[in-house]
């Protein structure tokens, strides 16, 4: 069955490349990138498949067992734009012209110096491919956990990442609601790490796709948890929602300083080991503390911080927060 699906995917990739991508490449005078564009077509097709699967499976669940009612319908559509941009639109093109050449150049430089890339699978000769796949997933997820904690630790970085947390109407598309610079930093780090530990290109596509779909489930507006044992094995929507909780998930004990809980991207084991897990069985309200109105000493009310409603304004305000928070020791 797996071989059949792989064959179908390969045929679809070939058809999409020959029918659309290749003519576009030659029309724009970028024929020297034909080989790279064929590889990029794999990412494009993967993103399209993800969109179909997510909408088919998760959208009905959001309607059937929602955590909250939406008070801003536009919020979900805006998050969907982020998903399209990140999975089949602008962001893959950005990565194509930045990260891919960088990784290829680094790999070529290592070969010129007769440096053989490290490969985790070589530690245990004869390792089953599925075991190797899971091993790569665990290693990448471990570093992703610490990357995520860094996003919450450094003021300038939180200025970018807080865009992701500012969604008060969290939904299945909210995983991709990120600042483009923030995502670029993460993709460079994960791509370099994958190269360093010898992840095969084909497996890396599957690892990224699996991670993205699971993270979409985590952000979905669904009243779901995985039970006493399952919650310790895989990050659930309830576990991750606590990470987005106002005054809890991205602050230190509700004090308004950077910190938080439930940083695990796929595996909660890192939160358990490093004591950042919060298994309080509640579905909390999501957002950022400074979005809420505040009372001044004279009794007047100060409106909450504006994180923007549209894509471009959210990106611009993220850059402004990055500069603002980099000058503060403890942004609130």
C-alpha atoms as a PDB file:
ATOM      1  CA  UNK A   1       0.000   0.000   0.000  1.00  0.00           C
ATOM      2  CA  UNK A   2       2.813   2.411   0.926  1.00  0.00           C
ATOM      3  CA  UNK A   3       4.625   1.692  -2.339  1.00  0.00           C
ATOM      4  CA  UNK A   4       1.392   2.336  -4.256  1.00  0.00           C
ATOM      5  CA  UNK A   5       0.893   5.709  -2.557  1.00  0.00           C
ATOM      6  CA  UNK A   6       4.527   6.581  -3.222  1.00  0.00           C
ATOM      7  CA  UNK A   7       4.126   5.729  -6.901  1.00  0.00           C
ATOM      8  CA  UNK A   8       0.967   7.823  -7.171  1.00  0.00           C
ATOM      9  CA  UNK A   9       2.687  10.740  -5.455  1.00  0.00           C
ATOM     10  CA  UNK A  10       5.656  10.449  -7.820  1.00  0.00           C
ATOM     11  CA  UNK A  11       3.406  10.469 -10.862  1.00  0.00           C
ATOM     12  CA  UNK A  12       1.490  13.476  -9.541  1.00  0.00           C
ATOM     13  CA  UNK A  13       4.768  15.301  -8.869  1.00  0.00           C
ATOM     14  CA  UNK A  14       5.977  14.601 -12.406  1.00  0.00           C
ATOM     15  CA  UNK A  15       2.709  15.749 -13.965  1.00  0.00           C
ATOM     16  CA  UNK A  16       2.588  18.951 -11.881  1.00  0.00           C
ATOM     17  CA  UNK A  17       6.197  19.757 -12.725  1.00  0.00           C
ATOM     18  CA  UNK A  18       5.874  19.161 -16.463  1.00  0.00           C
ATOM     19  CA  UNK A  19       2.479  20.856 -16.779  1.00  0.00           C
ATOM     20  CA  UNK A  20       2.989  23.938 -14.609  1.00  0.00           C
ATOM     21  CA  UNK A  21       6.331  24.381 -12.867  1.00  0.00           C
ATOM     22  CA  UNK A  22       8.741  23.668 -15.718  1.00  0.00           C
ATOM     23  CA  UNK A  23       7.007  25.979 -18.230  1.00  0.00           C
ATOM     24  CA  UNK A  24       6.947  28.709 -15.573  1.00  0.00           C
ATOM     25  CA  UNK A  25      10.647  28.217 -14.826  1.00  0.00           C
ATOM     26  CA  UNK A  26      11.619  28.624 -18.485  1.00  0.00           C
ATOM     27  CA  UNK A  27       9.208  31.511 -19.036  1.00  0.00           C
ATOM     28  CA  UNK A  28      10.834  33.468 -16.205  1.00  0.00           C
ATOM     29  CA  UNK A  29      14.366  32.699 -17.445  1.00  0.00           C
ATOM     30  CA  UNK A  30      15.282  30.511 -14.480  1.00  0.00           C
ATOM     31  CA  UNK A  31      16.038  27.366 -16.445  1.00  0.00           C
ATOM     32  CA  UNK A  32      19.280  26.768 -14.512  1.00  0.00           C
ATOM     33  CA  UNK A  33      17.144  25.973 -11.465  1.00  0.00           C
ATOM     34  CA  UNK A  34      15.185  23.173 -13.165  1.00  0.00           C
ATOM     35  CA  UNK A  35      16.553  20.402 -10.957  1.00  0.00           C
ATOM     36  CA  UNK A  36      15.944  22.368  -7.772  1.00  0.00           C
ATOM     37  CA  UNK A  37      12.462  23.289  -8.986  1.00  0.00           C
ATOM     38  CA  UNK A  38      11.607  19.608  -9.403  1.00  0.00           C
ATOM     39  CA  UNK A  39      12.558  19.044  -5.760  1.00  0.00           C
ATOM     40  CA  UNK A  40      10.526  22.094  -4.809  1.00  0.00           C
ATOM     41  CA  UNK A  41       7.524  20.598  -6.588  1.00  0.00           C
ATOM     42  CA  UNK A  42       7.601  17.812  -4.011  1.00  0.00           C
ATOM     43  CA  UNK A  43       7.171  20.372  -1.225  1.00  0.00           C
ATOM     44  CA  UNK A  44       4.384  22.112  -3.154  1.00  0.00           C
ATOM     45  CA  UNK A  45       2.468  18.884  -3.726  1.00  0.00           C
ATOM     46  CA  UNK A  46       2.998  17.843  -0.114  1.00  0.00           C
ATOM     47  CA  UNK A  47       1.531  21.145   1.046  1.00  0.00           C
ATOM     48  CA  UNK A  48      -1.511  20.720  -1.195  1.00  0.00           C
ATOM     49  CA  UNK A  49      -2.119  17.223   0.176  1.00  0.00           C
ATOM     50  CA  UNK A  50      -1.829  18.536   3.726  1.00  0.00           C
ATOM     51  CA  UNK A  51      -4.435  21.229   3.081  1.00  0.00           C
ATOM     52  CA  UNK A  52      -6.909  18.662   1.742  1.00  0.00           C
ATOM     53  CA  UNK A  53      -6.330  16.244   4.633  1.00  0.00           C
ATOM     54  CA  UNK A  54      -6.536  18.930   7.322  1.00  0.00           C
ATOM     55  CA  UNK A  55      -9.727  20.469   5.955  1.00  0.00           C
ATOM     56  CA  UNK A  56     -11.349  17.052   5.490  1.00  0.00           C
ATOM     57  CA  UNK A  57     -10.525  15.728   8.962  1.00  0.00           C
ATOM     58  CA  UNK A  58     -10.190  18.687  11.309  1.00  0.00           C
ATOM     59  CA  UNK A  59     -12.740  21.187  10.017  1.00  0.00           C
ATOM     60  CA  UNK A  60     -15.691  18.850  10.780  1.00  0.00           C
ATOM     61  CA  UNK A  61     -14.269  18.203  14.259  1.00  0.00           C
ATOM     62  CA  UNK A  62     -14.085  21.932  14.940  1.00  0.00           C
ATOM     63  CA  UNK A  63     -17.764  22.205  14.068  1.00  0.00           C
ATOM     64  CA  UNK A  64     -18.698  19.115  16.109  1.00  0.00           C
ATOM     65  CA  UNK A  65     -16.732  19.577  19.359  1.00  0.00           C
ATOM     66  CA  UNK A  66     -15.436  23.174  19.518  1.00  0.00           C
ATOM     67  CA  UNK A  67     -13.746  24.638  22.592  1.00  0.00           C
ATOM     68  CA  UNK A  68     -15.020  28.153  21.954  1.00  0.00           C
ATOM     69  CA  UNK A  69     -17.290  30.107  19.633  1.00  0.00           C
ATOM     70  CA  UNK A  70     -15.570  32.497  17.253  1.00  0.00           C
ATOM     71  CA  UNK A  71     -16.054  36.187  17.965  1.00  0.00           C
ATOM     72  CA  UNK A  72     -14.026  37.169  14.890  1.00  0.00           C
ATOM     73  CA  UNK A  73     -14.686  35.101  11.773  1.00  0.00           C
ATOM     74  CA  UNK A  74     -12.020  36.995   9.876  1.00  0.00           C
ATOM     75  CA  UNK A  75      -9.380  35.615  12.243  1.00  0.00           C
ATOM     76  CA  UNK A  76      -9.693  32.096  10.829  1.00  0.00           C
ATOM     77  CA  UNK A  77      -9.528  33.299   7.238  1.00  0.00           C
ATOM     78  CA  UNK A  78      -6.413  35.317   8.019  1.00  0.00           C
ATOM     79  CA  UNK A  79      -4.771  32.246   9.548  1.00  0.00           C
ATOM     80  CA  UNK A  80      -5.709  30.266   6.437  1.00  0.00           C
ATOM     81  CA  UNK A  81      -3.806  32.826   4.359  1.00  0.00           C
ATOM     82  CA  UNK A  82      -0.749  32.127   6.520  1.00  0.00           C
ATOM     83  CA  UNK A  83      -1.157  28.398   5.898  1.00  0.00           C
ATOM     84  CA  UNK A  84      -1.397  28.853   2.133  1.00  0.00           C
ATOM     85  CA  UNK A  85       1.629  31.159   2.129  1.00  0.00           C
ATOM     86  CA  UNK A  86       3.715  28.776   4.237  1.00  0.00           C
ATOM     87  CA  UNK A  87       2.777  25.493   2.594  1.00  0.00           C
ATOM     88  CA  UNK A  88       2.107  26.218  -1.068  1.00  0.00           C
ATOM     89  CA  UNK A  89       2.837  29.905  -1.606  1.00  0.00           C
ATOM     90  CA  UNK A  90       5.366  32.613  -0.829  1.00  0.00           C
ATOM     91  CA  UNK A  91       7.296  30.913   1.933  1.00  0.00           C
ATOM     92  CA  UNK A  92       8.370  27.837  -0.087  1.00  0.00           C
ATOM     93  CA  UNK A  93       9.682  30.238  -2.754  1.00  0.00           C
ATOM     94  CA  UNK A  94      11.582  32.164  -0.065  1.00  0.00           C
ATOM     95  CA  UNK A  95      13.118  28.953   1.252  1.00  0.00           C
ATOM     96  CA  UNK A  96      13.873  27.839  -2.307  1.00  0.00           C
ATOM     97  CA  UNK A  97      16.058  30.890  -2.931  1.00  0.00           C
ATOM     98  CA  UNK A  98      17.668  31.067   0.538  1.00  0.00           C
ATOM     99  CA  UNK A  99      17.756  27.887   2.596  1.00  0.00           C
ATOM    100  CA  UNK A 100      18.096  25.294  -0.183  1.00  0.00           C
ATOM    101  CA  UNK A 101      21.144  26.934  -1.854  1.00  0.00           C
ATOM    102  CA  UNK A 102      22.690  27.462   1.579  1.00  0.00           C
ATOM    103  CA  UNK A 103      22.293  23.797   2.527  1.00  0.00           C
ATOM    104  CA  UNK A 104      23.481  22.593  -0.876  1.00  0.00           C
ATOM    105  CA  UNK A 105      26.517  24.867  -0.683  1.00  0.00           C
ATOM    106  CA  UNK A 106      27.386  23.632   2.791  1.00  0.00           C
ATOM    107  CA  UNK A 107      27.068  20.003   1.727  1.00  0.00           C
ATOM    108  CA  UNK A 108      29.258  20.669  -1.325  1.00  0.00           C
ATOM    109  CA  UNK A 109      31.897  22.379   0.789  1.00  0.00           C
ATOM    110  CA  UNK A 110      32.030  19.388   3.135  1.00  0.00           C
ATOM    111  CA  UNK A 111      32.484  17.028   0.187  1.00  0.00           C
ATOM    112  CA  UNK A 112      35.320  19.171  -1.174  1.00  0.00           C
ATOM    113  CA  UNK A 113      37.073  18.874   2.184  1.00  0.00           C
ATOM    114  CA  UNK A 114      36.488  15.108   2.211  1.00  0.00           C
ATOM    115  CA  UNK A 115      34.327  15.473   5.287  1.00  0.00           C
ATOM    116  CA  UNK A 116      31.782  12.701   5.449  1.00  0.00           C
ATOM    117  CA  UNK A 117      28.483  13.899   6.945  1.00  0.00           C
ATOM    118  CA  UNK A 118      27.486  12.250  10.196  1.00  0.00           C
ATOM    119  CA  UNK A 119      24.588   9.806   9.940  1.00  0.00           C
ATOM    120  CA  UNK A 120      22.637   8.653  12.973  1.00  0.00           C
ATOM    121  CA  UNK A 121      21.624   5.419  11.252  1.00  0.00           C
ATOM    122  CA  UNK A 122      25.264   4.364  11.022  1.00  0.00           C
ATOM    123  CA  UNK A 123      25.397   4.090  14.813  1.00  0.00           C
ATOM    124  CA  UNK A 124      23.334   0.902  14.547  1.00  0.00           C
ATOM    125  CA  UNK A 125      24.049  -0.921  11.258  1.00  0.00           C
ATOM    126  CA  UNK A 126      21.054  -2.725   9.841  1.00  0.00           C
ATOM    127  CA  UNK A 127      18.591  -0.408  11.571  1.00  0.00           C
ATOM    128  CA  UNK A 128      15.003  -0.750  10.387  1.00  0.00           C
ATOM    129  CA  UNK A 129      14.012   2.301   8.273  1.00  0.00           C
ATOM    130  CA  UNK A 130      11.010   2.967  10.534  1.00  0.00           C
ATOM    131  CA  UNK A 131      13.273   2.969  13.587  1.00  0.00           C
ATOM    132  CA  UNK A 132      15.620   5.380  11.831  1.00  0.00           C
ATOM    133  CA  UNK A 133      12.698   7.628  10.920  1.00  0.00           C
ATOM    134  CA  UNK A 134      11.539   7.731  14.562  1.00  0.00           C
ATOM    135  CA  UNK A 135      15.104   8.370  15.753  1.00  0.00           C
ATOM    136  CA  UNK A 136      15.420  11.383  13.479  1.00  0.00           C
ATOM    137  CA  UNK A 137      12.023  12.631  14.644  1.00  0.00           C
ATOM    138  CA  UNK A 138      13.059  12.425  18.320  1.00  0.00           C
ATOM    139  CA  UNK A 139      16.371  14.246  17.755  1.00  0.00           C
ATOM    140  CA  UNK A 140      14.784  17.021  15.686  1.00  0.00           C
ATOM    141  CA  UNK A 141      11.969  17.404  18.204  1.00  0.00           C
ATOM    142  CA  UNK A 142      14.456  17.719  21.078  1.00  0.00           C
ATOM    143  CA  UNK A 143      16.168  20.665  19.395  1.00  0.00           C
ATOM    144  CA  UNK A 144      12.799  22.106  18.372  1.00  0.00           C
ATOM    145  CA  UNK A 145      11.801  22.146  22.057  1.00  0.00           C
ATOM    146  CA  UNK A 146      14.836  24.278  22.957  1.00  0.00           C
ATOM    147  CA  UNK A 147      14.330  26.494  19.918  1.00  0.00           C
ATOM    148  CA  UNK A 148      10.772  27.086  21.110  1.00  0.00           C
ATOM    149  CA  UNK A 149      11.950  27.934  24.611  1.00  0.00           C
ATOM    150  CA  UNK A 150      14.416  30.443  23.147  1.00  0.00           C
ATOM    151  CA  UNK A 151      11.528  32.132  21.327  1.00  0.00           C
ATOM    152  CA  UNK A 152       9.967  32.743  24.743  1.00  0.00           C
ATOM    153  CA  UNK A 153      13.196  33.630  26.551  1.00  0.00           C
ATOM    154  CA  UNK A 154      14.744  36.431  24.515  1.00  0.00           C
ATOM    155  CA  UNK A 155      12.815  39.684  24.360  1.00  0.00           C
ATOM    156  CA  UNK A 156      13.475  40.471  20.686  1.00  0.00           C
ATOM    157  CA  UNK A 157      12.501  36.934  19.684  1.00  0.00           C
ATOM    158  CA  UNK A 158       9.325  37.041  21.733  1.00  0.00           C
ATOM    159  CA  UNK A 159       8.478  40.238  19.862  1.00  0.00           C
ATOM    160  CA  UNK A 160       8.267  38.117  16.696  1.00  0.00           C
ATOM    161  CA  UNK A 161       6.842  34.930  18.213  1.00  0.00           C
ATOM    162  CA  UNK A 162       4.100  36.747  20.135  1.00  0.00           C
ATOM    163  CA  UNK A 163       2.291  37.138  16.804  1.00  0.00           C
ATOM    164  CA  UNK A 164       1.657  33.385  16.925  1.00  0.00           C
ATOM    165  CA  UNK A 165       0.257  33.666  20.459  1.00  0.00           C
ATOM    166  CA  UNK A 166      -1.951  36.678  19.770  1.00  0.00           C
ATOM    167  CA  UNK A 167      -4.694  34.574  18.169  1.00  0.00           C
ATOM    168  CA  UNK A 168      -7.718  34.786  20.499  1.00  0.00           C
ATOM    169  CA  UNK A 169      -9.724  32.506  18.170  1.00  0.00           C
ATOM    170  CA  UNK A 170      -7.268  29.622  17.843  1.00  0.00           C
ATOM    171  CA  UNK A 171      -8.101  27.193  15.038  1.00  0.00           C
ATOM    172  CA  UNK A 172      -6.641  24.468  12.829  1.00  0.00           C
ATOM    173  CA  UNK A 173      -4.820  27.014  10.636  1.00  0.00           C
ATOM    174  CA  UNK A 174      -3.225  28.892  13.554  1.00  0.00           C
ATOM    175  CA  UNK A 175      -0.060  26.793  13.534  1.00  0.00           C
ATOM    176  CA  UNK A 176       1.214  28.785  10.533  1.00  0.00           C
ATOM    177  CA  UNK A 177       0.328  32.183  12.008  1.00  0.00           C
ATOM    178  CA  UNK A 178       3.980  33.182  12.448  1.00  0.00           C
ATOM    179  CA  UNK A 179       6.218  36.048  11.511  1.00  0.00           C
ATOM    180  CA  UNK A 180       8.095  35.219   8.306  1.00  0.00           C
ATOM    181  CA  UNK A 181      11.435  36.082   9.914  1.00  0.00           C
ATOM    182  CA  UNK A 182      10.662  33.800  12.857  1.00  0.00           C
ATOM    183  CA  UNK A 183       9.835  30.917  10.530  1.00  0.00           C
ATOM    184  CA  UNK A 184      12.923  31.544   8.421  1.00  0.00           C
ATOM    185  CA  UNK A 185      15.133  31.297  11.511  1.00  0.00           C
ATOM    186  CA  UNK A 186      13.495  28.028  12.517  1.00  0.00           C
ATOM    187  CA  UNK A 187      13.711  26.475   9.069  1.00  0.00           C
ATOM    188  CA  UNK A 188      17.387  27.369   8.734  1.00  0.00           C
ATOM    189  CA  UNK A 189      18.114  25.798  12.115  1.00  0.00           C
ATOM    190  CA  UNK A 190      16.111  22.625  11.441  1.00  0.00           C
ATOM    191  CA  UNK A 191      17.507  22.274   7.912  1.00  0.00           C
ATOM    192  CA  UNK A 192      21.091  22.630   9.142  1.00  0.00           C
ATOM    193  CA  UNK A 193      20.444  20.136  11.931  1.00  0.00           C
ATOM    194  CA  UNK A 194      18.876  17.628   9.539  1.00  0.00           C
ATOM    195  CA  UNK A 195      21.930  17.932   7.305  1.00  0.00           C
ATOM    196  CA  UNK A 196      24.258  17.538  10.301  1.00  0.00           C
ATOM    197  CA  UNK A 197      22.699  14.254  11.453  1.00  0.00           C
ATOM    198  CA  UNK A 198      22.291  12.830   7.954  1.00  0.00           C
ATOM    199  CA  UNK A 199      18.529  12.882   7.455  1.00  0.00           C
ATOM    200  CA  UNK A 200      17.836  11.644   3.893  1.00  0.00           C
ATOM    201  CA  UNK A 201      16.035  14.330   1.822  1.00  0.00           C
ATOM    202  CA  UNK A 202      12.997  12.117   1.214  1.00  0.00           C
ATOM    203  CA  UNK A 203      12.629  11.370   4.916  1.00  0.00           C
ATOM    204  CA  UNK A 204      13.023  15.045   5.793  1.00  0.00           C
ATOM    205  CA  UNK A 205      10.007  15.922   3.649  1.00  0.00           C
ATOM    206  CA  UNK A 206       7.957  13.278   5.481  1.00  0.00           C
ATOM    207  CA  UNK A 207       9.229  14.402   8.889  1.00  0.00           C
ATOM    208  CA  UNK A 208       8.289  18.022   8.208  1.00  0.00           C
ATOM    209  CA  UNK A 209       4.892  17.065   6.777  1.00  0.00           C
ATOM    210  CA  UNK A 210       4.049  14.819   9.742  1.00  0.00           C
ATOM    211  CA  UNK A 211       5.131  17.512  12.184  1.00  0.00           C
ATOM    212  CA  UNK A 212       3.059  20.188  10.457  1.00  0.00           C
ATOM    213  CA  UNK A 213      -0.123  18.117  10.413  1.00  0.00           C
ATOM    214  CA  UNK A 214       0.227  17.147  14.070  1.00  0.00           C
ATOM    215  CA  UNK A 215       0.787  20.784  14.986  1.00  0.00           C
ATOM    216  CA  UNK A 216      -2.350  21.744  13.072  1.00  0.00           C
ATOM    217  CA  UNK A 217      -4.256  19.247  15.233  1.00  0.00           C
ATOM    218  CA  UNK A 218      -2.723  20.787  18.367  1.00  0.00           C
ATOM    219  CA  UNK A 219      -3.994  24.247  17.433  1.00  0.00           C
ATOM    220  CA  UNK A 220      -7.429  23.118  16.270  1.00  0.00           C
ATOM    221  CA  UNK A 221     -10.497  24.431  18.085  1.00  0.00           C
ATOM    222  CA  UNK A 222     -11.428  20.940  19.286  1.00  0.00           C
ATOM    223  CA  UNK A 223     -12.175  19.690  22.784  1.00  0.00           C
ATOM    224  CA  UNK A 224      -9.750  16.744  22.603  1.00  0.00           C
ATOM    225  CA  UNK A 225      -7.162  15.215  24.911  1.00  0.00           C
ATOM    226  CA  UNK A 226      -5.350  11.881  24.746  1.00  0.00           C
ATOM    227  CA  UNK A 227      -5.955  10.480  28.227  1.00  0.00           C
ATOM    228  CA  UNK A 228      -3.575   9.896  31.129  1.00  0.00           C
ATOM    229  CA  UNK A 229      -1.001   7.922  29.140  1.00  0.00           C
ATOM    230  CA  UNK A 230      -1.497   9.430  25.690  1.00  0.00           C
ATOM    231  CA  UNK A 231      -0.977  12.959  27.029  1.00  0.00           C
ATOM    232  CA  UNK A 232       2.548  11.871  28.056  1.00  0.00           C
ATOM    233  CA  UNK A 233       3.328  10.432  24.635  1.00  0.00           C
ATOM    234  CA  UNK A 234       2.080  13.055  22.182  1.00  0.00           C
ATOM    235  CA  UNK A 235       1.205  16.740  22.494  1.00  0.00           C
ATOM    236  CA  UNK A 236      -2.585  17.035  22.427  1.00  0.00           C
ATOM    237  CA  UNK A 237      -4.844  20.014  21.637  1.00  0.00           C
ATOM    238  CA  UNK A 238      -5.558  20.482  25.364  1.00  0.00           C
ATOM    239  CA  UNK A 239      -1.888  20.276  26.366  1.00  0.00           C
ATOM    240  CA  UNK A 240      -0.844  22.782  23.707  1.00  0.00           C
ATOM    241  CA  UNK A 241      -3.773  25.082  24.385  1.00  0.00           C
ATOM    242  CA  UNK A 242      -2.388  25.535  27.900  1.00  0.00           C
ATOM    243  CA  UNK A 243       0.799  26.812  26.247  1.00  0.00           C
ATOM    244  CA  UNK A 244      -1.321  29.501  24.532  1.00  0.00           C
ATOM    245  CA  UNK A 245      -3.251  30.368  27.718  1.00  0.00           C
ATOM    246  CA  UNK A 246      -3.266  34.020  28.741  1.00  0.00           C
ATOM    247  CA  UNK A 247      -1.022  34.619  31.747  1.00  0.00           C
ATOM    248  CA  UNK A 248      -0.027  30.946  31.970  1.00  0.00           C
ATOM    249  CA  UNK A 249       1.357  29.377  28.848  1.00  0.00           C
ATOM    250  CA  UNK A 250       3.898  31.982  27.838  1.00  0.00           C
ATOM    251  CA  UNK A 251       4.620  33.738  31.121  1.00  0.00           C
ATOM    252  CA  UNK A 252       6.428  32.756  34.314  1.00  0.00           C
ATOM    253  CA  UNK A 253       3.800  31.861  36.914  1.00  0.00           C
ATOM    254  CA  UNK A 254       1.490  34.595  35.659  1.00  0.00           C
ATOM    255  CA  UNK A 255       3.986  37.340  36.557  1.00  0.00           C
ATOM    256  CA  UNK A 256       4.106  38.866  33.068  1.00  0.00           C
ATOM    257  CA  UNK A 257       7.758  37.876  32.531  1.00  0.00           C
ATOM    258  CA  UNK A 258       8.950  35.605  29.763  1.00  0.00           C
ATOM    259  CA  UNK A 259       8.782  31.890  30.441  1.00  0.00           C
ATOM    260  CA  UNK A 260       5.798  29.574  30.327  1.00  0.00           C
ATOM    261  CA  UNK A 261       4.949  25.900  30.005  1.00  0.00           C
ATOM    262  CA  UNK A 262       4.254  23.103  27.505  1.00  0.00           C
ATOM    263  CA  UNK A 263       6.916  24.003  24.943  1.00  0.00           C
ATOM    264  CA  UNK A 264       7.020  20.515  23.415  1.00  0.00           C
ATOM    265  CA  UNK A 265       6.403  20.574  19.670  1.00  0.00           C
ATOM    266  CA  UNK A 266       5.441  16.929  19.208  1.00  0.00           C
ATOM    267  CA  UNK A 267       6.648  15.024  22.273  1.00  0.00           C
ATOM    268  CA  UNK A 268       5.719  16.115  25.828  1.00  0.00           C
ATOM    269  CA  UNK A 269       8.630  14.119  27.263  1.00  0.00           C
ATOM    270  CA  UNK A 270      10.908  17.170  27.059  1.00  0.00           C
ATOM    271  CA  UNK A 271       8.481  19.235  29.142  1.00  0.00           C
ATOM    272  CA  UNK A 272       8.332  16.421  31.668  1.00  0.00           C
ATOM    273  CA  UNK A 273      12.122  16.026  31.845  1.00  0.00           C
ATOM    274  CA  UNK A 274      12.834  19.757  32.101  1.00  0.00           C
ATOM    275  CA  UNK A 275       9.872  20.519  34.387  1.00  0.00           C
ATOM    276  CA  UNK A 276       7.909  22.774  32.067  1.00  0.00           C
ATOM    277  CA  UNK A 277       4.852  20.511  31.762  1.00  0.00           C
ATOM    278  CA  UNK A 278       1.443  21.718  32.935  1.00  0.00           C
ATOM    279  CA  UNK A 279      -1.253  19.031  32.807  1.00  0.00           C
ATOM    280  CA  UNK A 280      -4.045  21.094  34.362  1.00  0.00           C
ATOM    281  CA  UNK A 281      -7.165  19.542  32.742  1.00  0.00           C
ATOM    282  CA  UNK A 282      -8.714  22.747  31.402  1.00  0.00           C
ATOM    283  CA  UNK A 283      -9.233  24.345  28.000  1.00  0.00           C
ATOM    284  CA  UNK A 284      -8.049  27.898  28.659  1.00  0.00           C
ATOM    285  CA  UNK A 285      -8.702  31.181  26.864  1.00  0.00           C
ATOM    286  CA  UNK A 286      -5.878  31.949  24.458  1.00  0.00           C
ATOM    287  CA  UNK A 287      -4.012  35.158  23.650  1.00  0.00           C
ATOM    288  CA  UNK A 288      -1.347  37.452  25.090  1.00  0.00           C
ATOM    289  CA  UNK A 289      -1.740  39.333  28.374  1.00  0.00           C
ATOM    290  CA  UNK A 290      -1.010  42.766  26.898  1.00  0.00           C
ATOM    291  CA  UNK A 291      -3.912  42.374  24.462  1.00  0.00           C
ATOM    292  CA  UNK A 292      -6.288  42.906  27.391  1.00  0.00           C
ATOM    293  CA  UNK A 293      -7.370  46.420  28.476  1.00  0.00           C
ATOM    294  CA  UNK A 294      -5.658  47.730  31.614  1.00  0.00           C
ATOM    295  CA  UNK A 295      -6.771  50.138  34.313  1.00  0.00           C
ATOM    296  CA  UNK A 296      -4.573  53.157  35.040  1.00  0.00           C
ATOM    297  CA  UNK A 297      -4.037  54.601  38.507  1.00  0.00           C
ATOM    298  CA  UNK A 298      -6.534  57.389  37.797  1.00  0.00           C
ATOM    299  CA  UNK A 299      -9.233  54.864  36.938  1.00  0.00           C
ATOM    300  CA  UNK A 300      -9.062  55.317  33.191  1.00  0.00           C
ATOM    301  CA  UNK A 301      -8.794  52.286  30.953  1.00  0.00           C
ATOM    302  CA  UNK A 302      -5.868  51.775  28.605  1.00  0.00           C
ATOM    303  CA  UNK A 303      -6.670  49.645  25.540  1.00  0.00           C
ATOM    304  CA  UNK A 304      -4.737  46.462  24.912  1.00  0.00           C
ATOM    305  CA  UNK A 305      -1.858  46.192  22.472  1.00  0.00           C
ATOM    306  CA  UNK A 306      -2.778  46.024  18.812  1.00  0.00           C
ATOM    307  CA  UNK A 307      -1.328  42.955  17.071  1.00  0.00           C
ATOM    308  CA  UNK A 308      -3.050  43.753  13.785  1.00  0.00           C
ATOM    309  CA  UNK A 309      -5.781  41.925  11.922  1.00  0.00           C
ATOM    310  CA  UNK A 310      -4.402  41.609   8.398  1.00  0.00           C
ATOM    311  CA  UNK A 311      -1.282  39.764   7.267  1.00  0.00           C
ATOM    312  CA  UNK A 312       0.907  42.736   6.343  1.00  0.00           C
ATOM    313  CA  UNK A 313       0.054  44.781   9.416  1.00  0.00           C
ATOM    314  CA  UNK A 314       0.758  41.786  11.651  1.00  0.00           C
ATOM    315  CA  UNK A 315       4.156  41.355   9.993  1.00  0.00           C
ATOM    316  CA  UNK A 316       4.991  45.050  10.389  1.00  0.00           C
ATOM    317  CA  UNK A 317       3.903  45.203  14.024  1.00  0.00           C
ATOM    318  CA  UNK A 318       5.973  42.083  14.712  1.00  0.00           C
ATOM    319  CA  UNK A 319       9.126  43.880  13.528  1.00  0.00           C
ATOM    320  CA  UNK A 320       8.240  46.891  15.685  1.00  0.00           C
ATOM    321  CA  UNK A 321       7.779  44.659  18.755  1.00  0.00           C
ATOM    322  CA  UNK A 322      11.104  42.962  18.028  1.00  0.00           C
ATOM    323  CA  UNK A 323      12.867  46.331  18.235  1.00  0.00           C
ATOM    324  CA  UNK A 324      10.802  47.482  21.229  1.00  0.00           C
ATOM    325  CA  UNK A 325      11.263  44.305  23.272  1.00  0.00           C
ATOM    326  CA  UNK A 326      14.980  44.085  22.519  1.00  0.00           C
ATOM    327  CA  UNK A 327      15.368  47.283  24.558  1.00  0.00           C
ATOM    328  CA  UNK A 328      13.447  45.889  27.514  1.00  0.00           C
ATOM    329  CA  UNK A 329      14.757  43.419  30.046  1.00  0.00           C
ATOM    330  CA  UNK A 330      11.346  41.957  30.821  1.00  0.00           C
ATOM    331  CA  UNK A 331       8.720  42.656  28.126  1.00  0.00           C
ATOM    332  CA  UNK A 332       5.142  42.295  29.345  1.00  0.00           C
END
